[in-house]
Amino acid sequence: MGYESRTAGYEPISASTIGKQYAPMSFEISLHDN
């Protein structure tokens, strides 16, 4: 349970941070590719 709470605490934060950082880049790349 200790590990579950730890991962549950870090996963959403990292996911939101990565999404905010890489979503615009991937969006621009997809636009350029198309």
N, C-alpha and C. Protein backbone atom coordinates (compact mmCIF):
# COMPACT_ATOMS: atom_id res chain seq x y z
N MET A 1 0.85 -1.20 0.00
CA MET A 1 0.00 0.00 0.00
C MET A 1 0.89 1.25 0.00
N GLY A 2 2.05 1.14 0.61
CA GLY A 2 2.96 2.29 0.61
C GLY A 2 3.39 2.64 -0.81
N TYR A 3 3.67 1.58 -1.60
CA TYR A 3 4.11 1.85 -2.97
C TYR A 3 2.96 2.38 -3.81
N GLU A 4 1.76 1.85 -3.58
CA GLU A 4 0.61 2.29 -4.37
C GLU A 4 0.36 3.78 -4.14
N SER A 5 0.39 4.20 -2.89
CA SER A 5 0.14 5.62 -2.61
C SER A 5 1.25 6.47 -3.21
N ARG A 6 2.48 5.95 -3.20
CA ARG A 6 3.60 6.72 -3.74
C ARG A 6 3.43 6.90 -5.26
N THR A 7 3.18 5.80 -5.96
CA THR A 7 3.01 5.88 -7.41
C THR A 7 1.77 6.71 -7.74
N ALA A 8 0.71 6.54 -6.96
CA ALA A 8 -0.52 7.29 -7.21
C ALA A 8 -0.26 8.78 -7.02
N GLY A 9 0.68 9.12 -6.14
CA GLY A 9 0.98 10.53 -5.91
C GLY A 9 1.85 11.10 -7.02
N TYR A 10 2.74 10.28 -7.57
CA TYR A 10 3.70 10.82 -8.55
C TYR A 10 3.22 10.69 -9.99
N GLU A 11 2.45 9.66 -10.29
CA GLU A 11 2.06 9.43 -11.68
C GLU A 11 1.23 10.59 -12.24
N PRO A 12 0.17 11.04 -11.56
CA PRO A 12 -0.65 12.13 -12.12
C PRO A 12 0.19 13.40 -12.33
N ILE A 13 1.09 13.70 -11.38
CA ILE A 13 1.89 14.92 -11.48
C ILE A 13 2.80 14.82 -12.70
N SER A 14 3.51 13.71 -12.83
CA SER A 14 4.42 13.55 -13.97
C SER A 14 3.64 13.52 -15.27
N ALA A 15 2.49 12.88 -15.26
CA ALA A 15 1.68 12.79 -16.49
C ALA A 15 1.22 14.19 -16.91
N SER A 16 0.74 14.98 -15.97
CA SER A 16 0.26 16.32 -16.32
C SER A 16 1.43 17.19 -16.76
N THR A 17 2.58 17.04 -16.08
CA THR A 17 3.74 17.85 -16.44
C THR A 17 4.23 17.48 -17.83
N ILE A 18 4.34 16.17 -18.09
CA ILE A 18 4.81 15.72 -19.41
C ILE A 18 3.81 16.15 -20.48
N GLY A 19 2.54 16.03 -20.17
CA GLY A 19 1.52 16.42 -21.16
C GLY A 19 1.62 17.89 -21.49
N LYS A 20 1.82 18.74 -20.48
CA LYS A 20 1.91 20.18 -20.75
C LYS A 20 3.18 20.50 -21.54
N GLN A 21 4.24 19.75 -21.29
CA GLN A 21 5.52 20.06 -21.96
C GLN A 21 5.56 19.49 -23.38
N TYR A 22 5.05 18.27 -23.57
CA TYR A 22 5.23 17.60 -24.85
C TYR A 22 4.01 17.69 -25.77
N ALA A 23 2.86 17.99 -25.23
CA ALA A 23 1.67 18.07 -26.08
C ALA A 23 1.84 19.14 -27.15
N PRO A 24 2.28 20.36 -26.83
CA PRO A 24 2.44 21.38 -27.87
C PRO A 24 3.48 20.95 -28.92
N MET A 25 4.58 20.34 -28.47
CA MET A 25 5.64 19.92 -29.39
C MET A 25 5.12 18.86 -30.34
N SER A 26 4.47 17.84 -29.81
CA SER A 26 3.94 16.77 -30.66
C SER A 26 2.88 17.33 -31.60
N PHE A 27 2.11 18.30 -31.11
CA PHE A 27 1.08 18.91 -31.95
C PHE A 27 1.73 19.64 -33.13
N GLU A 28 2.79 20.40 -32.87
CA GLU A 28 3.48 21.12 -33.94
C GLU A 28 4.11 20.12 -34.90
N ILE A 29 4.72 19.07 -34.36
CA ILE A 29 5.37 18.07 -35.21
C ILE A 29 4.34 17.42 -36.13
N SER A 30 3.18 17.06 -35.57
CA SER A 30 2.14 16.42 -36.38
C SER A 30 1.65 17.38 -37.46
N LEU A 31 1.56 18.66 -37.13
CA LEU A 31 1.11 19.63 -38.14
C LEU A 31 2.16 19.74 -39.25
N HIS A 32 3.43 19.76 -38.87
CA HIS A 32 4.49 19.86 -39.87
C HIS A 32 4.54 18.59 -40.73
N ASP A 33 4.34 17.44 -40.10
CA ASP A 33 4.37 16.18 -40.86
C ASP A 33 3.24 16.14 -41.87
N ASN A 34 2.07 16.63 -41.46
CA ASN A 34 0.93 16.62 -42.38
C ASN A 34 1.11 17.72 -43.42
